[in-house]
Amino acid sequence: MKILLIEDNRAISKGLVYTLEQNGFEVALCENAESTLNSLGGDFDLFIVDVSLPDGNGFELCDEIKRVCETPVIFLTALDDEDSIVKGFDLGAEDYITKPFSSRELLARIKRITKKLDKTMTMNFGDISIDFDKKQVCKNGNPVVLTALEYRLFAMLAKNSGKVLTREQILERIWDLSGNYVEDNTLTVYIKRLRKKLDTDMIKTVKGLGYRLEV
């Protein structure tokens, strides 16, 4: 499991990196929001985010992360007031841990998230399957060659199968590899490519709204 730790207190980050690596995790460290945003292209399985950062705050950073990917976020912060905790969960965080904390507590919470992720690593939709761990989509058991953006688009539809995703939601959360937003007409092209490559009509257009992966 690959973890991105965002923590500007070097005493805390040093101890966390050591503990996590001793327990078999691969850890990358960022000390501010800017370096974190530059690292989002990496294939991380979990973000551990401090709220108080020298060039911003973890809440804003979490919002940006969720625009780009579905990776779980754990807040690790000294802010223990109710409003902050509620805000963290409202932003989509998987967990919220207040300082001071024990290493055993953090590892236990990561383990809980890992178990949850393991249950959803693979999803099947008829003759189409998606393996989120390998980042691979198969048709009748055979891998389908998708671009990075095509995969991310299908993964987003798969994780929200049965739900309508508006074009605005998709455009906000699907970025191209250079960090630019995908334009509206480009999204239409990608949807058509996905349907053709997967040879499926399960990706439905909901007129005036967006798209839905119909189970």
C-alpha atoms as a PDB file:
ATOM      1  CA  MET A   1       0.000   0.000   0.000  1.00  0.00           C
ATOM      2  CA  LYS A   2       1.400   3.369  -1.057  1.00  0.00           C
ATOM      3  CA  ILE A   3       0.685   6.300   1.265  1.00  0.00           C
ATOM      4  CA  LEU A   4       1.214  10.024   0.696  1.00  0.00           C
ATOM      5  CA  LEU A   5       1.766  11.760   4.037  1.00  0.00           C
ATOM      6  CA  ILE A   6       1.182  15.527   4.102  1.00  0.00           C
ATOM      7  CA  GLU A   7       2.691  16.883   7.317  1.00  0.00           C
ATOM      8  CA  ASP A   8       4.891  19.950   7.871  1.00  0.00           C
ATOM      9  CA  ASN A   9       6.052  19.087  11.401  1.00  0.00           C
ATOM     10  CA  ARG A  10       9.269  17.192  10.757  1.00  0.00           C
ATOM     11  CA  ALA A  11       9.382  15.584  14.190  1.00  0.00           C
ATOM     12  CA  ILE A  12       5.922  14.113  13.643  1.00  0.00           C
ATOM     13  CA  SER A  13       6.499  13.166  10.001  1.00  0.00           C
ATOM     14  CA  LYS A  14       9.798  11.417  10.795  1.00  0.00           C
ATOM     15  CA  GLY A  15       8.119   9.235  13.394  1.00  0.00           C
ATOM     16  CA  LEU A  16       5.137   8.513  11.155  1.00  0.00           C
ATOM     17  CA  VAL A  17       7.260   7.561   8.154  1.00  0.00           C
ATOM     18  CA  TYR A  18       9.328   5.206  10.305  1.00  0.00           C
ATOM     19  CA  THR A  19       6.255   3.567  11.860  1.00  0.00           C
ATOM     20  CA  LEU A  20       4.438   3.135   8.561  1.00  0.00           C
ATOM     21  CA  GLU A  21       7.467   1.735   6.745  1.00  0.00           C
ATOM     22  CA  GLN A  22       8.150  -0.689   9.610  1.00  0.00           C
ATOM     23  CA  ASN A  23       4.619  -1.983   9.082  1.00  0.00           C
ATOM     24  CA  GLY A  24       5.098  -2.644   5.395  1.00  0.00           C
ATOM     25  CA  PHE A  25       3.764   0.560   3.850  1.00  0.00           C
ATOM     26  CA  GLU A  26       5.477   2.556   1.118  1.00  0.00           C
ATOM     27  CA  VAL A  27       5.481   6.211   2.171  1.00  0.00           C
ATOM     28  CA  ALA A  28       6.060   9.476   0.305  1.00  0.00           C
ATOM     29  CA  LEU A  29       6.208  12.751   2.244  1.00  0.00           C
ATOM     30  CA  CYS A  30       5.033  16.247   1.305  1.00  0.00           C
ATOM     31  CA  GLU A  31       5.419  19.198   3.661  1.00  0.00           C
ATOM     32  CA  ASN A  32       3.062  21.684   2.007  1.00  0.00           C
ATOM     33  CA  ALA A  33       0.018  21.938  -0.246  1.00  0.00           C
ATOM     34  CA  GLU A  34       1.939  22.926  -3.374  1.00  0.00           C
ATOM     35  CA  SER A  35       4.188  19.856  -3.377  1.00  0.00           C
ATOM     36  CA  THR A  36       1.157  17.675  -2.672  1.00  0.00           C
ATOM     37  CA  LEU A  37      -0.725  18.965  -5.710  1.00  0.00           C
ATOM     38  CA  ASN A  38       2.361  18.293  -7.820  1.00  0.00           C
ATOM     39  CA  SER A  39       2.395  14.688  -6.556  1.00  0.00           C
ATOM     40  CA  LEU A  40      -1.206  13.777  -7.351  1.00  0.00           C
ATOM     41  CA  GLY A  41      -0.217  11.985 -10.533  1.00  0.00           C
ATOM     42  CA  GLY A  42       1.299   9.201  -8.410  1.00  0.00           C
ATOM     43  CA  ASP A  43      -0.610   5.997  -7.779  1.00  0.00           C
ATOM     44  CA  PHE A  44      -1.300   6.442  -4.069  1.00  0.00           C
ATOM     45  CA  ASP A  45      -3.712   4.247  -2.129  1.00  0.00           C
ATOM     46  CA  LEU A  46      -4.188   6.621   0.821  1.00  0.00           C
ATOM     47  CA  PHE A  47      -3.594  10.259   1.758  1.00  0.00           C
ATOM     48  CA  ILE A  48      -2.876  11.234   5.372  1.00  0.00           C
ATOM     49  CA  VAL A  49      -3.422  14.986   5.594  1.00  0.00           C
ATOM     50  CA  ASP A  50      -2.607  17.539   8.287  1.00  0.00           C
ATOM     51  CA  VAL A  51      -5.095  20.417   8.313  1.00  0.00           C
ATOM     52  CA  SER A  52      -2.613  23.188   9.203  1.00  0.00           C
ATOM     53  CA  LEU A  53      -0.101  23.624   6.385  1.00  0.00           C
ATOM     54  CA  PRO A  54       2.332  26.509   5.750  1.00  0.00           C
ATOM     55  CA  ASP A  55       0.797  27.434   2.381  1.00  0.00           C
ATOM     56  CA  GLY A  56      -2.851  26.530   2.884  1.00  0.00           C
ATOM     57  CA  ASN A  57      -5.042  24.152   4.813  1.00  0.00           C
ATOM     58  CA  GLY A  58      -5.839  20.480   4.566  1.00  0.00           C
ATOM     59  CA  PHE A  59      -9.535  21.063   3.982  1.00  0.00           C
ATOM     60  CA  GLU A  60      -8.881  22.940   0.738  1.00  0.00           C
ATOM     61  CA  LEU A  61      -6.298  20.325  -0.191  1.00  0.00           C
ATOM     62  CA  CYS A  62      -8.762  17.488   0.391  1.00  0.00           C
ATOM     63  CA  ASP A  63     -11.264  19.252  -1.856  1.00  0.00           C
ATOM     64  CA  GLU A  64      -8.653  19.411  -4.625  1.00  0.00           C
ATOM     65  CA  ILE A  65      -7.701  15.757  -4.109  1.00  0.00           C
ATOM     66  CA  LYS A  66     -11.314  14.647  -4.414  1.00  0.00           C
ATOM     67  CA  ARG A  67     -11.621  16.541  -7.700  1.00  0.00           C
ATOM     68  CA  VAL A  68      -8.793  14.443  -9.132  1.00  0.00           C
ATOM     69  CA  CYS A  69      -9.240  10.982  -7.646  1.00  0.00           C
ATOM     70  CA  GLU A  70     -11.257   8.728  -5.343  1.00  0.00           C
ATOM     71  CA  THR A  71      -8.304   7.904  -3.069  1.00  0.00           C
ATOM     72  CA  PRO A  72      -9.258   7.741   0.642  1.00  0.00           C
ATOM     73  CA  VAL A  73      -8.170  10.617   2.897  1.00  0.00           C
ATOM     74  CA  ILE A  74      -7.422  10.532   6.623  1.00  0.00           C
ATOM     75  CA  PHE A  75      -7.171  13.863   8.408  1.00  0.00           C
ATOM     76  CA  LEU A  76      -4.504  13.939  11.110  1.00  0.00           C
ATOM     77  CA  THR A  77      -4.777  17.213  13.013  1.00  0.00           C
ATOM     78  CA  ALA A  78      -4.806  19.073  16.313  1.00  0.00           C
ATOM     79  CA  LEU A  79      -8.182  20.610  15.427  1.00  0.00           C
ATOM     80  CA  ASP A  80     -10.631  18.695  17.596  1.00  0.00           C
ATOM     81  CA  ASP A  81     -13.657  21.008  17.556  1.00  0.00           C
ATOM     82  CA  GLU A  82     -16.922  19.612  16.261  1.00  0.00           C
ATOM     83  CA  ASP A  83     -17.179  21.993  13.291  1.00  0.00           C
ATOM     84  CA  SER A  84     -13.767  20.927  11.959  1.00  0.00           C
ATOM     85  CA  ILE A  85     -14.532  17.233  12.363  1.00  0.00           C
ATOM     86  CA  VAL A  86     -17.878  17.578  10.587  1.00  0.00           C
ATOM     87  CA  LYS A  87     -16.275  19.619   7.812  1.00  0.00           C
ATOM     88  CA  GLY A  88     -13.637  16.940   7.295  1.00  0.00           C
ATOM     89  CA  PHE A  89     -16.223  14.210   6.821  1.00  0.00           C
ATOM     90  CA  ASP A  90     -18.395  16.466   4.655  1.00  0.00           C
ATOM     91  CA  LEU A  91     -15.419  16.853   2.306  1.00  0.00           C
ATOM     92  CA  GLY A  92     -15.345  13.087   1.886  1.00  0.00           C
ATOM     93  CA  ALA A  93     -12.594  12.085   4.314  1.00  0.00           C
ATOM     94  CA  GLU A  94     -12.553   8.433   5.298  1.00  0.00           C
ATOM     95  CA  ASP A  95     -11.429   9.202   8.843  1.00  0.00           C
ATOM     96  CA  TYR A  96     -10.471  12.064  11.159  1.00  0.00           C
ATOM     97  CA  ILE A  97      -7.813  11.552  13.846  1.00  0.00           C
ATOM     98  CA  THR A  98      -6.942  14.244  16.381  1.00  0.00           C
ATOM     99  CA  LYS A  99      -3.510  14.836  17.855  1.00  0.00           C
ATOM    100  CA  PRO A 100      -2.092  13.516  20.095  1.00  0.00           C
ATOM    101  CA  PHE A 101      -2.645   9.986  18.850  1.00  0.00           C
ATOM    102  CA  SER A 102      -0.944   6.629  19.220  1.00  0.00           C
ATOM    103  CA  SER A 103       0.737   4.730  16.399  1.00  0.00           C
ATOM    104  CA  ARG A 104      -1.441   1.717  17.201  1.00  0.00           C
ATOM    105  CA  GLU A 105      -4.581   3.811  16.728  1.00  0.00           C
ATOM    106  CA  LEU A 106      -3.424   5.116  13.347  1.00  0.00           C
ATOM    107  CA  LEU A 107      -2.421   1.639  12.150  1.00  0.00           C
ATOM    108  CA  ALA A 108      -5.758   0.216  13.279  1.00  0.00           C
ATOM    109  CA  ARG A 109      -7.667   2.861  11.332  1.00  0.00           C
ATOM    110  CA  ILE A 110      -5.534   2.307   8.237  1.00  0.00           C
ATOM    111  CA  LYS A 111      -6.182  -1.430   8.540  1.00  0.00           C
ATOM    112  CA  ARG A 112      -9.919  -0.781   8.645  1.00  0.00           C
ATOM    113  CA  ILE A 113      -9.714   1.301   5.472  1.00  0.00           C
ATOM    114  CA  THR A 114      -7.525  -1.338   3.794  1.00  0.00           C
ATOM    115  CA  LYS A 115     -10.104  -4.039   4.471  1.00  0.00           C
ATOM    116  CA  LYS A 116     -12.803  -1.828   2.993  1.00  0.00           C
ATOM    117  CA  LEU A 117     -10.672  -1.168  -0.106  1.00  0.00           C
ATOM    118  CA  ASP A 118      -9.929  -4.873  -0.591  1.00  0.00           C
ATOM    119  CA  LYS A 119     -13.650  -5.558  -0.867  1.00  0.00           C
ATOM    120  CA  THR A 120     -14.021  -3.096  -3.732  1.00  0.00           C
ATOM    121  CA  MET A 121     -10.771  -3.683  -5.644  1.00  0.00           C
ATOM    122  CA  THR A 122     -12.660  -5.482  -8.447  1.00  0.00           C
ATOM    123  CA  MET A 123     -16.111  -4.803  -9.851  1.00  0.00           C
ATOM    124  CA  ASN A 124     -17.982  -6.730 -12.535  1.00  0.00           C
ATOM    125  CA  PHE A 125     -20.604  -5.424 -14.928  1.00  0.00           C
ATOM    126  CA  GLY A 126     -21.744  -8.303 -17.078  1.00  0.00           C
ATOM    127  CA  ASP A 127     -18.835  -9.221 -19.344  1.00  0.00           C
ATOM    128  CA  ILE A 128     -16.854  -6.125 -18.266  1.00  0.00           C
ATOM    129  CA  SER A 129     -14.670  -6.045 -15.150  1.00  0.00           C
ATOM    130  CA  ILE A 130     -12.465  -3.386 -13.620  1.00  0.00           C
ATOM    131  CA  ASP A 131      -9.543  -4.062 -11.285  1.00  0.00           C
ATOM    132  CA  PHE A 132      -8.812  -0.865  -9.350  1.00  0.00           C
ATOM    133  CA  ASP A 133      -5.597  -2.272  -7.911  1.00  0.00           C
ATOM    134  CA  LYS A 134      -4.108  -3.096 -11.328  1.00  0.00           C
ATOM    135  CA  LYS A 135      -5.946  -0.186 -12.970  1.00  0.00           C
ATOM    136  CA  GLN A 136      -7.134  -2.538 -15.679  1.00  0.00           C
ATOM    137  CA  VAL A 137     -10.438  -3.019 -17.481  1.00  0.00           C
ATOM    138  CA  CYS A 138     -11.263  -6.360 -19.120  1.00  0.00           C
ATOM    139  CA  LYS A 139     -13.912  -7.496 -21.582  1.00  0.00           C
ATOM    140  CA  ASN A 140     -14.720 -11.223 -21.435  1.00  0.00           C
ATOM    141  CA  GLY A 141     -11.508 -11.654 -19.438  1.00  0.00           C
ATOM    142  CA  ASN A 142      -9.339  -9.910 -22.029  1.00  0.00           C
ATOM    143  CA  PRO A 143      -7.611  -6.608 -21.139  1.00  0.00           C
ATOM    144  CA  VAL A 144      -8.918  -3.546 -22.958  1.00  0.00           C
ATOM    145  CA  VAL A 145      -6.327  -0.924 -23.858  1.00  0.00           C
ATOM    146  CA  LEU A 146      -7.473   2.419 -22.433  1.00  0.00           C
ATOM    147  CA  THR A 147      -5.699   5.735 -22.118  1.00  0.00           C
ATOM    148  CA  ALA A 148      -5.095   7.043 -18.595  1.00  0.00           C
ATOM    149  CA  LEU A 149      -8.008   9.459 -18.902  1.00  0.00           C
ATOM    150  CA  GLU A 150     -10.330   6.834 -20.398  1.00  0.00           C
ATOM    151  CA  TYR A 151      -9.568   4.542 -17.475  1.00  0.00           C
ATOM    152  CA  ARG A 152     -10.181   7.276 -14.920  1.00  0.00           C
ATOM    153  CA  LEU A 153     -13.465   8.166 -16.572  1.00  0.00           C
ATOM    154  CA  PHE A 154     -14.690   4.565 -16.576  1.00  0.00           C
ATOM    155  CA  ALA A 155     -13.471   4.042 -12.992  1.00  0.00           C
ATOM    156  CA  MET A 156     -15.494   7.060 -11.902  1.00  0.00           C
ATOM    157  CA  LEU A 157     -18.611   5.729 -13.639  1.00  0.00           C
ATOM    158  CA  ALA A 158     -18.029   2.258 -12.171  1.00  0.00           C
ATOM    159  CA  LYS A 159     -17.666   3.508  -8.595  1.00  0.00           C
ATOM    160  CA  ASN A 160     -20.923   5.417  -9.037  1.00  0.00           C
ATOM    161  CA  SER A 161     -22.746   2.742 -11.032  1.00  0.00           C
ATOM    162  CA  GLY A 162     -26.484   3.255 -11.150  1.00  0.00           C
ATOM    163  CA  LYS A 163     -26.119   6.947 -10.327  1.00  0.00           C
ATOM    164  CA  VAL A 164     -26.289   9.854 -12.728  1.00  0.00           C
ATOM    165  CA  LEU A 165     -23.061  11.849 -12.864  1.00  0.00           C
ATOM    166  CA  THR A 166     -23.563  15.302 -14.313  1.00  0.00           C
ATOM    167  CA  ARG A 167     -21.194  16.560 -16.956  1.00  0.00           C
ATOM    168  CA  GLU A 168     -20.130  19.254 -14.482  1.00  0.00           C
ATOM    169  CA  GLN A 169     -19.216  16.666 -11.842  1.00  0.00           C
ATOM    170  CA  ILE A 170     -17.181  14.678 -14.325  1.00  0.00           C
ATOM    171  CA  LEU A 171     -15.439  17.713 -15.790  1.00  0.00           C
ATOM    172  CA  GLU A 172     -14.470  18.941 -12.316  1.00  0.00           C
ATOM    173  CA  ARG A 173     -12.984  15.627 -11.243  1.00  0.00           C
ATOM    174  CA  ILE A 174     -11.412  14.238 -14.417  1.00  0.00           C
ATOM    175  CA  TRP A 175      -8.188  15.989 -15.329  1.00  0.00           C
ATOM    176  CA  ASP A 176      -5.837  15.306 -18.174  1.00  0.00           C
ATOM    177  CA  LEU A 177      -2.258  14.315 -17.365  1.00  0.00           C
ATOM    178  CA  SER A 178      -0.936  17.874 -17.692  1.00  0.00           C
ATOM    179  CA  GLY A 179      -3.340  19.096 -15.008  1.00  0.00           C
ATOM    180  CA  ASN A 180      -5.767  20.876 -17.332  1.00  0.00           C
ATOM    181  CA  TYR A 181      -9.511  20.448 -17.188  1.00  0.00           C
ATOM    182  CA  VAL A 182     -11.089  18.352 -19.917  1.00  0.00           C
ATOM    183  CA  GLU A 183     -13.372  20.442 -22.118  1.00  0.00           C
ATOM    184  CA  ASP A 184     -17.045  19.614 -22.506  1.00  0.00           C
ATOM    185  CA  ASN A 185     -16.816  18.514 -26.138  1.00  0.00           C
ATOM    186  CA  THR A 186     -13.746  16.407 -25.326  1.00  0.00           C
ATOM    187  CA  LEU A 187     -15.759  14.555 -22.686  1.00  0.00           C
ATOM    188  CA  THR A 188     -18.304  13.589 -25.333  1.00  0.00           C
ATOM    189  CA  VAL A 189     -15.516  12.155 -27.467  1.00  0.00           C
ATOM    190  CA  TYR A 190     -14.133  10.115 -24.558  1.00  0.00           C
ATOM    191  CA  ILE A 191     -17.555   8.675 -23.761  1.00  0.00           C
ATOM    192  CA  LYS A 192     -17.928   7.570 -27.393  1.00  0.00           C
ATOM    193  CA  ARG A 193     -14.458   5.986 -27.317  1.00  0.00           C
ATOM    194  CA  LEU A 194     -15.265   4.077 -24.134  1.00  0.00           C
ATOM    195  CA  ARG A 195     -18.477   2.704 -25.590  1.00  0.00           C
ATOM    196  CA  LYS A 196     -16.653   1.591 -28.722  1.00  0.00           C
ATOM    197  CA  LYS A 197     -13.621   0.060 -26.956  1.00  0.00           C
ATOM    198  CA  LEU A 198     -15.782  -1.771 -24.428  1.00  0.00           C
ATOM    199  CA  ASP A 199     -18.416  -2.628 -27.052  1.00  0.00           C
ATOM    200  CA  THR A 200     -21.171  -1.795 -24.600  1.00  0.00           C
ATOM    201  CA  ASP A 201     -24.347   0.214 -24.312  1.00  0.00           C
ATOM    202  CA  MET A 202     -24.237   0.253 -20.497  1.00  0.00           C
ATOM    203  CA  ILE A 203     -22.887   3.819 -20.486  1.00  0.00           C
ATOM    204  CA  LYS A 204     -26.153   5.698 -20.817  1.00  0.00           C
ATOM    205  CA  THR A 205     -26.616   9.358 -21.718  1.00  0.00           C
ATOM    206  CA  VAL A 206     -29.131  11.061 -19.457  1.00  0.00           C
ATOM    207  CA  LYS A 207     -30.365  13.979 -21.559  1.00  0.00           C
ATOM    208  CA  GLY A 208     -29.773  17.376 -20.045  1.00  0.00           C
ATOM    209  CA  LEU A 209     -27.821  15.898 -17.115  1.00  0.00           C
ATOM    210  CA  GLY A 210     -24.896  13.611 -17.828  1.00  0.00           C
ATOM    211  CA  TYR A 211     -24.081   9.891 -17.843  1.00  0.00           C
ATOM    212  CA  ARG A 212     -24.851   6.740 -15.900  1.00  0.00           C
ATOM    213  CA  LEU A 213     -23.271   3.289 -15.928  1.00  0.00           C
ATOM    214  CA  GLU A 214     -26.347   1.078 -15.969  1.00  0.00           C
ATOM    215  CA  VAL A 215     -25.868  -2.223 -14.171  1.00  0.00           C
END
